[in-house]
């Protein structure tokens, strides 16, 4: 195979390759030339027409070499080639990149778990148990952002408790609670407890208000 041509294409910047993926090449278990060809496909979108002749001409490599890469990436479950009906009702072969994106999602989750220490990683498990499902990569990034903003695991747990008391258990709601606490200067569990105490006191004061005064119709008062 004239794989050096792929390397030249890569060096010339004709294929966009996320640095994150390049750093994790070994984990993807791909040869460098397979990886570069995969990145070429990645740049075409998540689903596109299977046209090995076009691939060959675009990359200036042999048709047989293209087919070799297609076969290898299919066997390693990075891509799928399926026959689907197009908008005109005609059957055509398309390349589907869904498997590749799923692998990247799993790789991202794995990296997040490894980068966070064992204490912080427990918060992911806590939220998954609370939600009764596995967190999505985006949700992992949101939680990771909380930790990077120096929010303690204990404070996040308190936000989960607050959301549960309100009958809402969504990450967006928990994020809103943490945001509001941040604006109010609440940074520790002690601050949260003090805030709850003040709210309870305020509720008790409201309950002591004379309803006769509150409901007085001032417009009926004689001047």
N, C-alpha and C. Protein backbone atom coordinates (compact mmCIF):
# COMPACT_ATOMS: atom_id res chain seq x y z
N UNK A 1 0.84 -1.21 0.00
CA UNK A 1 0.00 0.00 0.00
C UNK A 1 0.87 1.26 0.00
N UNK A 2 0.43 2.23 -0.72
CA UNK A 2 1.17 3.49 -0.77
C UNK A 2 0.65 4.40 0.34
N UNK A 3 0.77 3.94 1.56
CA UNK A 3 0.20 4.64 2.72
C UNK A 3 0.88 5.97 2.99
N UNK A 4 2.09 6.16 2.48
CA UNK A 4 2.80 7.41 2.72
C UNK A 4 2.02 8.60 2.17
N UNK A 5 1.19 8.35 1.15
CA UNK A 5 0.39 9.44 0.59
C UNK A 5 -0.60 9.97 1.63
N UNK A 6 -1.13 9.08 2.44
CA UNK A 6 -2.04 9.52 3.49
C UNK A 6 -1.32 10.39 4.51
N UNK A 7 -0.09 10.01 4.82
CA UNK A 7 0.71 10.80 5.76
C UNK A 7 0.96 12.20 5.19
N UNK A 8 1.24 12.27 3.91
CA UNK A 8 1.48 13.56 3.27
C UNK A 8 0.23 14.43 3.32
N UNK A 9 -0.92 13.81 3.06
CA UNK A 9 -2.19 14.54 3.10
C UNK A 9 -2.43 15.10 4.49
N UNK A 10 -2.12 14.28 5.50
CA UNK A 10 -2.28 14.70 6.89
C UNK A 10 -1.36 15.87 7.22
N UNK A 11 -0.09 15.75 6.81
CA UNK A 11 0.89 16.79 7.11
C UNK A 11 0.54 18.11 6.43
N UNK A 12 -0.07 18.04 5.26
CA UNK A 12 -0.43 19.25 4.52
C UNK A 12 -1.69 19.91 5.07
N UNK A 13 -2.29 19.29 6.07
CA UNK A 13 -3.48 19.89 6.70
C UNK A 13 -4.74 19.72 5.90
N UNK A 14 -4.79 18.74 4.99
CA UNK A 14 -5.98 18.54 4.17
C UNK A 14 -7.06 17.73 4.88
N UNK A 15 -6.72 17.14 6.02
CA UNK A 15 -7.68 16.39 6.82
C UNK A 15 -7.65 16.95 8.24
N UNK A 16 -8.83 17.31 8.74
CA UNK A 16 -8.91 17.84 10.10
C UNK A 16 -8.94 16.68 11.08
N UNK A 17 -7.97 16.62 11.98
CA UNK A 17 -7.90 15.55 12.97
C UNK A 17 -7.88 16.16 14.37
N UNK A 18 -8.91 15.88 15.17
CA UNK A 18 -8.92 16.39 16.56
C UNK A 18 -7.70 15.87 17.31
N UNK A 19 -6.98 16.77 17.98
CA UNK A 19 -5.79 16.39 18.72
C UNK A 19 -6.11 15.35 19.78
N UNK A 20 -7.29 15.47 20.36
CA UNK A 20 -7.70 14.53 21.40
C UNK A 20 -7.67 13.10 20.88
N UNK A 21 -8.16 12.89 19.65
CA UNK A 21 -8.19 11.54 19.09
C UNK A 21 -6.79 11.05 18.76
N UNK A 22 -5.96 11.96 18.29
CA UNK A 22 -4.59 11.59 17.94
C UNK A 22 -3.83 11.13 19.18
N UNK A 23 -4.09 11.78 20.31
CA UNK A 23 -3.42 11.41 21.56
C UNK A 23 -3.87 10.04 22.06
N UNK A 24 -5.06 9.64 21.65
CA UNK A 24 -5.61 8.36 22.10
C UNK A 24 -5.60 7.30 21.01
N UNK A 25 -4.67 7.44 20.09
CA UNK A 25 -4.58 6.52 18.96
C UNK A 25 -4.42 5.07 19.41
N UNK A 26 -3.58 4.86 20.41
CA UNK A 26 -3.34 3.50 20.90
C UNK A 26 -4.61 2.88 21.47
N UNK A 27 -5.40 3.68 22.17
CA UNK A 27 -6.63 3.16 22.76
C UNK A 27 -7.66 2.79 21.70
N UNK A 28 -7.58 3.47 20.56
CA UNK A 28 -8.51 3.16 19.47
C UNK A 28 -8.11 1.89 18.73
N UNK A 29 -6.87 1.42 18.99
CA UNK A 29 -6.34 0.19 18.37
C UNK A 29 -6.39 0.25 16.85
N UNK A 30 -5.87 1.35 16.35
CA UNK A 30 -5.82 1.55 14.90
C UNK A 30 -4.39 1.81 14.46
N UNK A 31 -4.06 1.35 13.26
CA UNK A 31 -2.79 1.72 12.65
C UNK A 31 -2.90 3.17 12.20
N UNK A 32 -1.78 3.87 12.14
CA UNK A 32 -1.81 5.30 11.82
C UNK A 32 -2.49 5.57 10.48
N UNK A 33 -2.27 4.69 9.49
CA UNK A 33 -2.87 4.91 8.17
C UNK A 33 -4.38 4.66 8.19
N UNK A 34 -4.80 3.67 8.99
CA UNK A 34 -6.23 3.43 9.15
C UNK A 34 -6.87 4.63 9.83
N UNK A 35 -6.18 5.15 10.82
CA UNK A 35 -6.70 6.29 11.57
C UNK A 35 -6.88 7.51 10.67
N UNK A 36 -5.89 7.79 9.85
CA UNK A 36 -5.97 8.96 8.97
C UNK A 36 -7.10 8.79 7.95
N UNK A 37 -7.24 7.57 7.42
CA UNK A 37 -8.35 7.33 6.49
C UNK A 37 -9.69 7.51 7.21
N UNK A 38 -9.76 7.03 8.47
CA UNK A 38 -10.98 7.19 9.26
C UNK A 38 -11.29 8.67 9.48
N UNK A 39 -10.25 9.48 9.69
CA UNK A 39 -10.46 10.91 9.87
C UNK A 39 -10.96 11.58 8.59
N UNK A 40 -10.53 11.03 7.46
CA UNK A 40 -11.04 11.53 6.16
C UNK A 40 -12.54 11.28 6.10
N UNK A 41 -12.96 10.08 6.49
CA UNK A 41 -14.38 9.75 6.49
C UNK A 41 -15.12 10.61 7.53
N UNK A 42 -14.48 10.80 8.68
CA UNK A 42 -15.06 11.61 9.76
C UNK A 42 -15.39 13.02 9.27
N UNK A 43 -14.52 13.56 8.41
CA UNK A 43 -14.73 14.91 7.87
C UNK A 43 -15.86 14.98 6.86
N UNK A 44 -16.34 13.84 6.40
CA UNK A 44 -17.43 13.81 5.42
C UNK A 44 -18.81 13.86 6.09
N UNK A 45 -18.86 13.64 7.40
CA UNK A 45 -20.14 13.68 8.11
C UNK A 45 -20.45 12.37 8.80
N UNK A 46 -21.67 12.29 9.35
CA UNK A 46 -22.05 11.08 10.08
C UNK A 46 -22.67 10.01 9.19
N UNK A 47 -23.12 10.39 7.99
CA UNK A 47 -23.67 9.44 7.03
C UNK A 47 -23.53 10.01 5.63
N UNK A 48 -22.96 9.25 4.72
CA UNK A 48 -22.71 9.75 3.38
C UNK A 48 -22.62 8.60 2.39
N UNK A 49 -22.70 8.93 1.11
CA UNK A 49 -22.72 7.93 0.06
C UNK A 49 -21.40 7.15 0.01
N UNK A 50 -21.51 5.84 -0.07
CA UNK A 50 -20.33 4.99 -0.18
C UNK A 50 -19.83 5.05 -1.62
N UNK A 51 -18.72 5.77 -1.81
CA UNK A 51 -18.16 5.97 -3.15
C UNK A 51 -16.65 5.79 -3.08
N UNK A 52 -16.19 4.52 -3.09
CA UNK A 52 -14.75 4.26 -2.98
C UNK A 52 -13.92 4.89 -4.09
N UNK A 53 -14.51 5.04 -5.27
CA UNK A 53 -13.78 5.69 -6.37
C UNK A 53 -13.48 7.14 -6.02
N UNK A 54 -14.48 7.82 -5.47
CA UNK A 54 -14.30 9.21 -5.05
C UNK A 54 -13.26 9.29 -3.92
N UNK A 55 -13.34 8.36 -2.96
CA UNK A 55 -12.38 8.34 -1.87
C UNK A 55 -10.96 8.18 -2.42
N UNK A 56 -10.83 7.29 -3.39
CA UNK A 56 -9.52 7.02 -3.99
C UNK A 56 -8.96 8.26 -4.67
N UNK A 57 -9.82 8.95 -5.43
CA UNK A 57 -9.38 10.13 -6.16
C UNK A 57 -9.07 11.28 -5.20
N UNK A 58 -9.89 11.44 -4.16
CA UNK A 58 -9.69 12.54 -3.21
C UNK A 58 -8.38 12.39 -2.44
N UNK A 59 -8.03 11.14 -2.12
CA UNK A 59 -6.83 10.87 -1.34
C UNK A 59 -5.63 10.52 -2.21
N UNK A 60 -5.89 10.36 -3.50
CA UNK A 60 -4.82 10.00 -4.44
C UNK A 60 -4.14 8.69 -4.04
N UNK A 61 -4.96 7.72 -3.65
CA UNK A 61 -4.43 6.39 -3.33
C UNK A 61 -5.19 5.36 -4.15
N UNK A 62 -4.65 4.15 -4.25
CA UNK A 62 -5.25 3.11 -5.08
C UNK A 62 -6.62 2.70 -4.57
N UNK A 63 -7.47 2.32 -5.50
CA UNK A 63 -8.82 1.85 -5.17
C UNK A 63 -8.75 0.65 -4.23
N UNK A 64 -7.84 -0.28 -4.51
CA UNK A 64 -7.71 -1.48 -3.67
C UNK A 64 -7.30 -1.11 -2.25
N UNK A 65 -6.51 -0.06 -2.12
CA UNK A 65 -6.09 0.39 -0.79
C UNK A 65 -7.27 0.95 -0.03
N UNK A 66 -8.11 1.70 -0.72
CA UNK A 66 -9.33 2.24 -0.10
C UNK A 66 -10.21 1.10 0.40
N UNK A 67 -10.41 0.11 -0.45
CA UNK A 67 -11.26 -1.02 -0.07
C UNK A 67 -10.66 -1.78 1.11
N UNK A 68 -9.34 -1.81 1.18
CA UNK A 68 -8.68 -2.46 2.32
C UNK A 68 -8.98 -1.72 3.62
N UNK A 69 -8.93 -0.40 3.56
CA UNK A 69 -9.24 0.40 4.75
C UNK A 69 -10.71 0.25 5.15
N UNK A 70 -11.59 0.25 4.16
CA UNK A 70 -13.02 0.09 4.43
C UNK A 70 -13.28 -1.24 5.12
N UNK A 71 -12.65 -2.29 4.59
CA UNK A 71 -12.82 -3.62 5.17
C UNK A 71 -12.28 -3.68 6.60
N UNK A 72 -11.11 -3.10 6.83
CA UNK A 72 -10.49 -3.12 8.15
C UNK A 72 -11.31 -2.35 9.17
N UNK A 73 -11.77 -1.15 8.79
CA UNK A 73 -12.54 -0.31 9.72
C UNK A 73 -13.91 -0.92 10.01
N UNK A 74 -14.43 -1.66 9.04
CA UNK A 74 -15.70 -2.35 9.26
C UNK A 74 -15.54 -3.50 10.24
N UNK A 75 -14.47 -4.26 10.05
CA UNK A 75 -14.19 -5.39 10.95
C UNK A 75 -13.94 -4.92 12.38
N UNK A 76 -13.29 -3.78 12.52
CA UNK A 76 -13.01 -3.23 13.85
C UNK A 76 -14.17 -2.43 14.42
N UNK A 77 -15.29 -2.45 13.68
CA UNK A 77 -16.54 -1.80 14.11
C UNK A 77 -16.40 -0.30 14.35
N UNK A 78 -15.74 0.37 13.41
CA UNK A 78 -15.69 1.83 13.43
C UNK A 78 -16.71 2.42 12.46
N UNK A 79 -17.01 1.69 11.40
CA UNK A 79 -17.96 2.16 10.40
C UNK A 79 -18.86 1.01 9.97
N UNK A 80 -19.98 1.38 9.34
CA UNK A 80 -20.87 0.38 8.73
C UNK A 80 -21.22 0.84 7.33
N UNK A 81 -21.32 -0.10 6.42
CA UNK A 81 -21.78 0.21 5.07
C UNK A 81 -23.11 -0.51 4.89
N UNK A 82 -24.17 0.27 4.71
CA UNK A 82 -25.51 -0.30 4.60
C UNK A 82 -26.20 0.18 3.32
N UNK A 83 -27.16 -0.61 2.90
CA UNK A 83 -27.96 -0.25 1.72
C UNK A 83 -29.26 0.36 2.22
N UNK A 84 -29.47 1.63 1.88
CA UNK A 84 -30.67 2.35 2.33
C UNK A 84 -31.38 3.00 1.16
N UNK A 85 -32.64 3.31 1.37
CA UNK A 85 -33.43 3.97 0.33
C UNK A 85 -33.24 5.47 0.45
N UNK A 86 -32.90 6.13 -0.66
CA UNK A 86 -32.69 7.58 -0.62
C UNK A 86 -34.01 8.33 -0.80
N UNK A 87 -33.94 9.65 -0.89
CA UNK A 87 -35.13 10.49 -0.99
C UNK A 87 -35.95 10.21 -2.24
N UNK A 88 -35.29 9.71 -3.28
CA UNK A 88 -35.98 9.40 -4.54
C UNK A 88 -36.53 7.98 -4.55
N UNK A 89 -36.36 7.27 -3.46
CA UNK A 89 -36.86 5.91 -3.38
C UNK A 89 -35.92 4.87 -3.97
N UNK A 90 -34.71 5.29 -4.31
CA UNK A 90 -33.74 4.38 -4.89
C UNK A 90 -32.81 3.84 -3.80
N UNK A 91 -32.38 2.59 -3.96
CA UNK A 91 -31.48 1.98 -3.00
C UNK A 91 -30.05 2.40 -3.30
N UNK A 92 -29.31 2.74 -2.24
CA UNK A 92 -27.91 3.13 -2.41
C UNK A 92 -27.10 2.73 -1.18
N UNK A 93 -25.80 2.54 -1.38
CA UNK A 93 -24.91 2.18 -0.29
C UNK A 93 -24.43 3.46 0.41
N UNK A 94 -24.49 3.45 1.73
CA UNK A 94 -24.04 4.61 2.49
C UNK A 94 -23.10 4.15 3.61
N UNK A 95 -22.18 5.04 3.98
CA UNK A 95 -21.28 4.80 5.10
C UNK A 95 -21.90 5.46 6.33
N UNK A 96 -22.03 4.71 7.40
CA UNK A 96 -22.60 5.23 8.64
C UNK A 96 -21.52 5.26 9.71
N UNK A 97 -21.32 6.43 10.32
CA UNK A 97 -20.23 6.64 11.28
C UNK A 97 -20.68 6.50 12.74
N UNK A 98 -21.90 6.04 12.96
CA UNK A 98 -22.45 5.98 14.31
C UNK A 98 -21.57 5.18 15.28
N UNK A 99 -21.05 4.05 14.83
CA UNK A 99 -20.22 3.22 15.70
C UNK A 99 -18.96 3.95 16.15
N UNK A 100 -18.39 4.74 15.24
CA UNK A 100 -17.20 5.51 15.58
C UNK A 100 -17.51 6.54 16.66
N UNK A 101 -18.63 7.25 16.50
CA UNK A 101 -19.00 8.26 17.49
C UNK A 101 -19.31 7.63 18.85
N UNK A 102 -19.89 6.43 18.84
CA UNK A 102 -20.14 5.73 20.10
C UNK A 102 -18.83 5.38 20.80
N UNK A 103 -17.84 4.95 20.02
CA UNK A 103 -16.53 4.62 20.59
C UNK A 103 -15.89 5.86 21.21
N UNK A 104 -16.02 6.99 20.53
CA UNK A 104 -15.44 8.23 21.04
C UNK A 104 -16.14 8.66 22.33
N UNK A 105 -17.46 8.47 22.38
CA UNK A 105 -18.21 8.82 23.59
C UNK A 105 -17.73 7.98 24.77
N UNK A 106 -17.56 6.69 24.55
CA UNK A 106 -17.08 5.80 25.61
C UNK A 106 -15.66 6.16 26.03
N UNK A 107 -14.85 6.53 25.05
CA UNK A 107 -13.47 6.93 25.34
C UNK A 107 -13.45 8.19 26.20
N UNK A 108 -14.33 9.13 25.89
CA UNK A 108 -14.42 10.38 26.64
C UNK A 108 -14.81 10.12 28.09
N UNK A 109 -15.81 9.26 28.28
CA UNK A 109 -16.26 8.92 29.62
C UNK A 109 -15.14 8.27 30.41
N UNK A 110 -14.41 7.37 29.75
CA UNK A 110 -13.30 6.68 30.41
C UNK A 110 -12.23 7.66 30.84
N UNK A 111 -11.94 8.64 29.98
CA UNK A 111 -10.92 9.64 30.30
C UNK A 111 -11.36 10.51 31.47
N UNK A 112 -12.64 10.88 31.49
CA UNK A 112 -13.16 11.71 32.59
C UNK A 112 -13.01 10.98 33.91
N UNK A 113 -13.38 9.70 33.91
CA UNK A 113 -13.29 8.92 35.14
C UNK A 113 -11.86 8.76 35.63
N UNK A 114 -10.92 8.63 34.72
CA UNK A 114 -9.52 8.44 35.10
C UNK A 114 -8.87 9.73 35.57
N UNK A 115 -9.28 10.84 34.99
CA UNK A 115 -8.68 12.12 35.36
C UNK A 115 -9.16 12.60 36.72
N UNK A 116 -10.40 12.29 37.03
CA UNK A 116 -10.92 12.68 38.35
C UNK A 116 -10.43 11.69 39.39
N UNK A 117 -10.11 12.16 40.60
CA UNK A 117 -9.65 11.24 41.63
C UNK A 117 -10.80 10.39 42.13
N UNK A 118 -10.48 9.41 42.95
CA UNK A 118 -11.49 8.42 43.37
C UNK A 118 -12.64 9.06 44.14
N UNK A 119 -12.36 10.14 44.90
CA UNK A 119 -13.42 10.79 45.66
C UNK A 119 -14.40 11.48 44.72
N UNK A 120 -13.84 12.27 43.79
CA UNK A 120 -14.69 13.00 42.87
C UNK A 120 -15.47 12.08 41.94
N UNK A 121 -14.87 10.95 41.56
CA UNK A 121 -15.53 10.05 40.63
C UNK A 121 -16.79 9.46 41.25
N UNK A 122 -16.86 9.42 42.58
CA UNK A 122 -18.05 8.89 43.24
C UNK A 122 -19.28 9.72 42.95
N UNK A 123 -19.10 11.00 42.67
CA UNK A 123 -20.25 11.86 42.43
C UNK A 123 -20.96 11.46 41.14
N UNK A 124 -20.21 10.95 40.16
CA UNK A 124 -20.82 10.47 38.93
C UNK A 124 -21.74 9.29 39.23
N UNK A 125 -21.24 8.36 40.05
CA UNK A 125 -22.02 7.19 40.42
C UNK A 125 -23.26 7.60 41.22
N UNK A 126 -23.09 8.59 42.10
CA UNK A 126 -24.21 9.06 42.92
C UNK A 126 -25.34 9.60 42.05
N UNK A 127 -24.98 10.42 41.07
CA UNK A 127 -26.00 11.02 40.20
C UNK A 127 -26.63 9.97 39.30
N UNK A 128 -25.84 9.01 38.83
CA UNK A 128 -26.40 7.94 38.00
C UNK A 128 -27.42 7.11 38.78
N UNK A 129 -27.11 6.84 40.06
CA UNK A 129 -28.05 6.10 40.89
C UNK A 129 -29.31 6.91 41.14
N UNK A 130 -29.14 8.23 41.33
CA UNK A 130 -30.29 9.11 41.56
C UNK A 130 -31.19 9.18 40.34
N UNK A 131 -30.57 9.23 39.14
CA UNK A 131 -31.32 9.32 37.90
C UNK A 131 -31.81 7.96 37.41
N UNK A 132 -31.16 6.89 37.90
CA UNK A 132 -31.53 5.56 37.46
C UNK A 132 -31.12 5.24 36.05
N UNK A 133 -30.05 5.87 35.60
CA UNK A 133 -29.56 5.64 34.23
C UNK A 133 -28.12 6.07 34.12
N UNK A 134 -27.49 5.72 32.99
CA UNK A 134 -26.12 6.12 32.73
C UNK A 134 -26.09 7.56 32.23
N UNK A 135 -25.14 8.33 32.69
CA UNK A 135 -25.01 9.72 32.25
C UNK A 135 -24.49 9.78 30.82
N UNK A 136 -24.90 10.80 30.10
CA UNK A 136 -24.41 11.00 28.74
C UNK A 136 -23.05 11.72 28.79
N UNK A 137 -22.27 11.68 27.71
CA UNK A 137 -20.99 12.39 27.69
C UNK A 137 -21.12 13.87 28.02
N UNK A 138 -22.20 14.50 27.54
CA UNK A 138 -22.41 15.93 27.80
C UNK A 138 -22.65 16.15 29.30
N UNK A 139 -23.43 15.26 29.92
CA UNK A 139 -23.69 15.38 31.35
C UNK A 139 -22.41 15.18 32.16
N UNK A 140 -21.56 14.26 31.69
CA UNK A 140 -20.26 14.07 32.35
C UNK A 140 -19.45 15.36 32.31
N UNK A 141 -19.48 16.04 31.16
CA UNK A 141 -18.71 17.28 31.02
C UNK A 141 -19.26 18.37 31.93
N UNK A 142 -20.59 18.42 32.10
CA UNK A 142 -21.19 19.42 32.98
C UNK A 142 -20.75 19.19 34.43
N UNK A 143 -20.80 17.92 34.86
CA UNK A 143 -20.39 17.59 36.22
C UNK A 143 -18.90 17.86 36.41
N UNK A 144 -18.14 17.52 35.39
CA UNK A 144 -16.70 17.77 35.46
C UNK A 144 -16.43 19.26 35.58
N UNK A 145 -17.24 20.08 34.90
CA UNK A 145 -17.08 21.54 34.97
C UNK A 145 -17.34 22.03 36.40
N UNK A 146 -18.32 21.41 37.08
CA UNK A 146 -18.57 21.78 38.48
C UNK A 146 -17.32 21.54 39.31
N UNK A 147 -16.72 20.36 39.13
CA UNK A 147 -15.54 20.00 39.91
C UNK A 147 -14.36 20.92 39.59
N UNK A 148 -14.24 21.29 38.32
CA UNK A 148 -13.16 22.19 37.91
C UNK A 148 -13.36 23.59 38.46
N UNK A 149 -14.63 23.95 38.76
CA UNK A 149 -14.93 25.24 39.38
C UNK A 149 -14.78 25.18 40.91
N UNK A 150 -14.13 24.09 41.36
CA UNK A 150 -13.84 23.90 42.79
C UNK A 150 -15.09 23.71 43.65
N UNK A 151 -16.14 23.18 43.03
CA UNK A 151 -17.31 22.82 43.82
C UNK A 151 -17.03 21.47 44.46
N UNK A 152 -17.21 21.38 45.76
CA UNK A 152 -16.93 20.14 46.46
C UNK A 152 -18.00 19.09 46.17
N UNK A 153 -17.60 17.83 46.35
CA UNK A 153 -18.55 16.74 46.17
C UNK A 153 -19.70 16.88 47.15
N UNK A 154 -19.40 17.32 48.37
CA UNK A 154 -20.42 17.49 49.39
C UNK A 154 -21.46 18.53 48.98
N UNK A 155 -20.99 19.64 48.36
CA UNK A 155 -21.91 20.70 47.94
C UNK A 155 -22.81 20.19 46.81
N UNK A 156 -22.24 19.42 45.90
CA UNK A 156 -23.03 18.85 44.80
C UNK A 156 -24.08 17.89 45.35
N UNK A 157 -23.69 17.10 46.34
CA UNK A 157 -24.64 16.19 46.97
C UNK A 157 -25.79 16.96 47.62
N UNK A 158 -25.47 18.11 48.22
CA UNK A 158 -26.51 18.94 48.84
C UNK A 158 -27.45 19.50 47.78
N UNK A 159 -26.89 19.83 46.61
CA UNK A 159 -27.73 20.33 45.51
C UNK A 159 -28.66 19.22 45.02
N UNK A 160 -28.15 17.99 44.97
CA UNK A 160 -28.98 16.85 44.60
C UNK A 160 -30.11 16.68 45.61
N UNK A 161 -29.76 16.81 46.91
CA UNK A 161 -30.76 16.70 47.96
C UNK A 161 -31.81 17.80 47.83
N UNK A 162 -31.34 19.02 47.53
CA UNK A 162 -32.26 20.15 47.35
C UNK A 162 -33.22 19.91 46.20
N UNK A 163 -32.69 19.38 45.10
CA UNK A 163 -33.52 19.09 43.94
C UNK A 163 -34.54 18.01 44.26
N UNK A 164 -34.10 17.00 45.00
CA UNK A 164 -34.99 15.90 45.38
C UNK A 164 -36.12 16.41 46.26
N UNK A 165 -35.80 17.30 47.20
CA UNK A 165 -36.83 17.87 48.07
C UNK A 165 -37.86 18.66 47.27
N UNK A 166 -37.42 19.21 46.14
CA UNK A 166 -38.32 19.98 45.27
C UNK A 166 -39.05 19.08 44.28
N UNK A 167 -38.73 17.79 44.32
CA UNK A 167 -39.38 16.84 43.41
C UNK A 167 -38.85 16.87 42.00
N UNK A 168 -37.66 17.45 41.81
CA UNK A 168 -37.08 17.52 40.46
C UNK A 168 -35.67 16.91 40.50
N UNK A 169 -35.44 15.95 39.64
CA UNK A 169 -34.11 15.31 39.61
C UNK A 169 -33.58 15.31 38.18
N UNK A 170 -33.22 16.50 37.72
CA UNK A 170 -32.58 16.63 36.41
C UNK A 170 -31.28 17.38 36.59
N UNK A 171 -30.33 17.11 35.72
CA UNK A 171 -29.02 17.75 35.83
C UNK A 171 -29.14 19.26 35.63
N UNK A 172 -30.04 19.67 34.76
CA UNK A 172 -30.24 21.10 34.50
C UNK A 172 -30.72 21.81 35.76
N UNK A 173 -31.62 21.17 36.51
CA UNK A 173 -32.14 21.78 37.73
C UNK A 173 -31.05 21.86 38.79
N UNK A 174 -30.26 20.79 38.92
CA UNK A 174 -29.16 20.78 39.87
C UNK A 174 -28.14 21.86 39.52
N UNK A 175 -27.88 22.02 38.23
CA UNK A 175 -26.94 23.04 37.78
C UNK A 175 -27.46 24.43 38.13
N UNK A 176 -28.77 24.63 38.01
CA UNK A 176 -29.37 25.92 38.36
C UNK A 176 -29.23 26.19 39.85
N UNK A 177 -29.43 25.16 40.68
CA UNK A 177 -29.28 25.32 42.13
C UNK A 177 -27.85 25.75 42.46
N UNK A 178 -26.88 25.07 41.87
CA UNK A 178 -25.47 25.39 42.13
C UNK A 178 -25.14 26.81 41.67
N UNK A 179 -25.75 27.20 40.54
CA UNK A 179 -25.53 28.55 40.01
C UNK A 179 -26.08 29.61 40.97
N UNK A 180 -27.29 29.37 41.45
CA UNK A 180 -27.92 30.32 42.37
C UNK A 180 -27.16 30.38 43.69
N UNK A 181 -26.68 29.24 44.14
CA UNK A 181 -25.89 29.22 45.37
C UNK A 181 -24.60 30.01 45.19
N UNK A 182 -24.01 29.87 44.03
CA UNK A 182 -22.78 30.60 43.74
C UNK A 182 -23.00 32.10 43.80
N UNK A 183 -24.13 32.56 43.22
CA UNK A 183 -24.45 33.99 43.24
C UNK A 183 -24.70 34.48 44.67
N UNK A 184 -25.25 33.58 45.50
CA UNK A 184 -25.57 33.96 46.88
C UNK A 184 -24.37 33.78 47.81
N UNK A 185 -23.25 33.35 47.26
CA UNK A 185 -22.06 33.17 48.09
C UNK A 185 -22.04 31.90 48.90
N UNK A 186 -22.91 30.96 48.54
CA UNK A 186 -22.96 29.68 49.25
C UNK A 186 -21.91 28.74 48.66
N UNK A 187 -20.92 28.39 49.47
CA UNK A 187 -19.81 27.58 48.97
C UNK A 187 -19.58 26.29 49.73
N UNK A 188 -20.20 26.17 50.91
CA UNK A 188 -20.00 24.98 51.73
C UNK A 188 -21.34 24.43 52.19
N UNK A 189 -21.31 23.20 52.72
CA UNK A 189 -22.51 22.58 53.25
C UNK A 189 -23.04 23.40 54.42
N UNK A 190 -22.12 23.97 55.21
CA UNK A 190 -22.53 24.82 56.34
C UNK A 190 -23.31 26.02 55.85
N UNK A 191 -22.87 26.61 54.73
CA UNK A 191 -23.59 27.74 54.14
C UNK A 191 -25.00 27.32 53.72
N UNK A 192 -25.10 26.12 53.15
CA UNK A 192 -26.40 25.61 52.70
C UNK A 192 -27.34 25.46 53.89
N UNK A 193 -26.82 24.87 54.98
CA UNK A 193 -27.63 24.65 56.17
C UNK A 193 -28.09 25.97 56.77
N UNK A 194 -27.20 26.98 56.77
CA UNK A 194 -27.56 28.30 57.28
C UNK A 194 -28.62 28.94 56.41
N UNK A 195 -28.50 28.75 55.10
CA UNK A 195 -29.48 29.29 54.16
C UNK A 195 -30.85 28.66 54.38
N UNK A 196 -30.87 27.35 54.62
CA UNK A 196 -32.13 26.64 54.89
C UNK A 196 -32.74 27.13 56.20
N UNK A 197 -31.90 27.36 57.20
CA UNK A 197 -32.39 27.84 58.50
C UNK A 197 -33.07 29.19 58.35
N UNK A 198 -32.43 30.09 57.58
CA UNK A 198 -33.01 31.42 57.37
C UNK A 198 -34.33 31.34 56.61
N UNK A 199 -34.41 30.43 55.65
CA UNK A 199 -35.65 30.27 54.90
C UNK A 199 -36.78 29.76 55.80
N UNK A 200 -36.43 28.82 56.68
CA UNK A 200 -37.45 28.29 57.60
C UNK A 200 -37.94 29.36 58.55
N UNK A 201 -37.01 30.22 59.01
CA UNK A 201 -37.38 31.32 59.90
C UNK A 201 -38.31 32.28 59.17
N UNK A 202 -37.98 32.56 57.91
CA UNK A 202 -38.80 33.47 57.11
C UNK A 202 -40.20 32.91 56.91
N UNK A 203 -40.29 31.59 56.71
CA UNK A 203 -41.60 30.95 56.53
C UNK A 203 -42.43 31.05 57.81
N UNK A 204 -41.75 30.86 58.95
CA UNK A 204 -42.45 30.94 60.22
C UNK A 204 -42.98 32.36 60.47
N UNK A 205 -42.19 33.35 60.10
CA UNK A 205 -42.63 34.75 60.27
C UNK A 205 -43.84 35.03 59.39
N UNK A 206 -43.81 34.49 58.16
CA UNK A 206 -44.94 34.69 57.25
C UNK A 206 -46.21 34.06 57.82
N UNK A 207 -46.04 32.91 58.49
CA UNK A 207 -47.22 32.24 59.04
C UNK A 207 -47.80 32.98 60.24
N UNK A 208 -47.02 33.88 60.85
CA UNK A 208 -47.48 34.63 62.02
C UNK A 208 -48.18 35.93 61.64
N UNK A 209 -48.21 36.26 60.35
CA UNK A 209 -48.85 37.51 59.92
C UNK A 209 -50.36 37.41 60.10
N UNK A 210 -50.95 38.49 60.62
CA UNK A 210 -52.39 38.54 60.84
C UNK A 210 -53.09 38.60 59.49
N UNK A 211 -53.81 37.52 59.14
CA UNK A 211 -54.46 37.45 57.84
C UNK A 211 -55.55 38.50 57.69
N UNK A 212 -56.15 38.93 58.85
CA UNK A 212 -57.19 39.96 58.77
C UNK A 212 -56.60 41.26 58.22
N UNK A 213 -55.36 41.54 58.62
CA UNK A 213 -54.70 42.76 58.14
C UNK A 213 -54.33 42.60 56.67
N UNK A 214 -53.83 41.41 56.34
CA UNK A 214 -53.39 41.16 54.96
C UNK A 214 -54.55 41.25 54.00
N UNK A 215 -55.74 40.74 54.43
CA UNK A 215 -56.87 40.68 53.52
C UNK A 215 -57.77 41.91 53.63
N UNK A 216 -57.35 42.90 54.41
CA UNK A 216 -58.16 44.12 54.58
C UNK A 216 -58.36 44.81 53.25
N UNK A 217 -59.59 45.15 52.95
CA UNK A 217 -59.90 45.85 51.71
C UNK A 217 -59.79 47.34 51.98
N UNK A 218 -58.66 47.90 51.63
CA UNK A 218 -58.38 49.30 51.95
C UNK A 218 -59.30 50.25 51.20
N UNK A 219 -59.87 49.80 50.10
CA UNK A 219 -60.72 50.69 49.32
C UNK A 219 -62.07 50.91 50.00
N UNK A 220 -62.44 50.01 50.97
CA UNK A 220 -63.68 50.18 51.70
C UNK A 220 -63.51 51.01 52.96
N UNK A 221 -62.27 51.43 53.25
CA UNK A 221 -62.01 52.17 54.47
C UNK A 221 -62.56 53.59 54.33
N UNK A 222 -63.27 54.02 55.34
CA UNK A 222 -63.79 55.38 55.28
C UNK A 222 -62.72 56.37 55.52
N UNK A 223 -62.67 57.40 54.74
CA UNK A 223 -61.65 58.43 54.91
C UNK A 223 -62.14 59.46 55.91
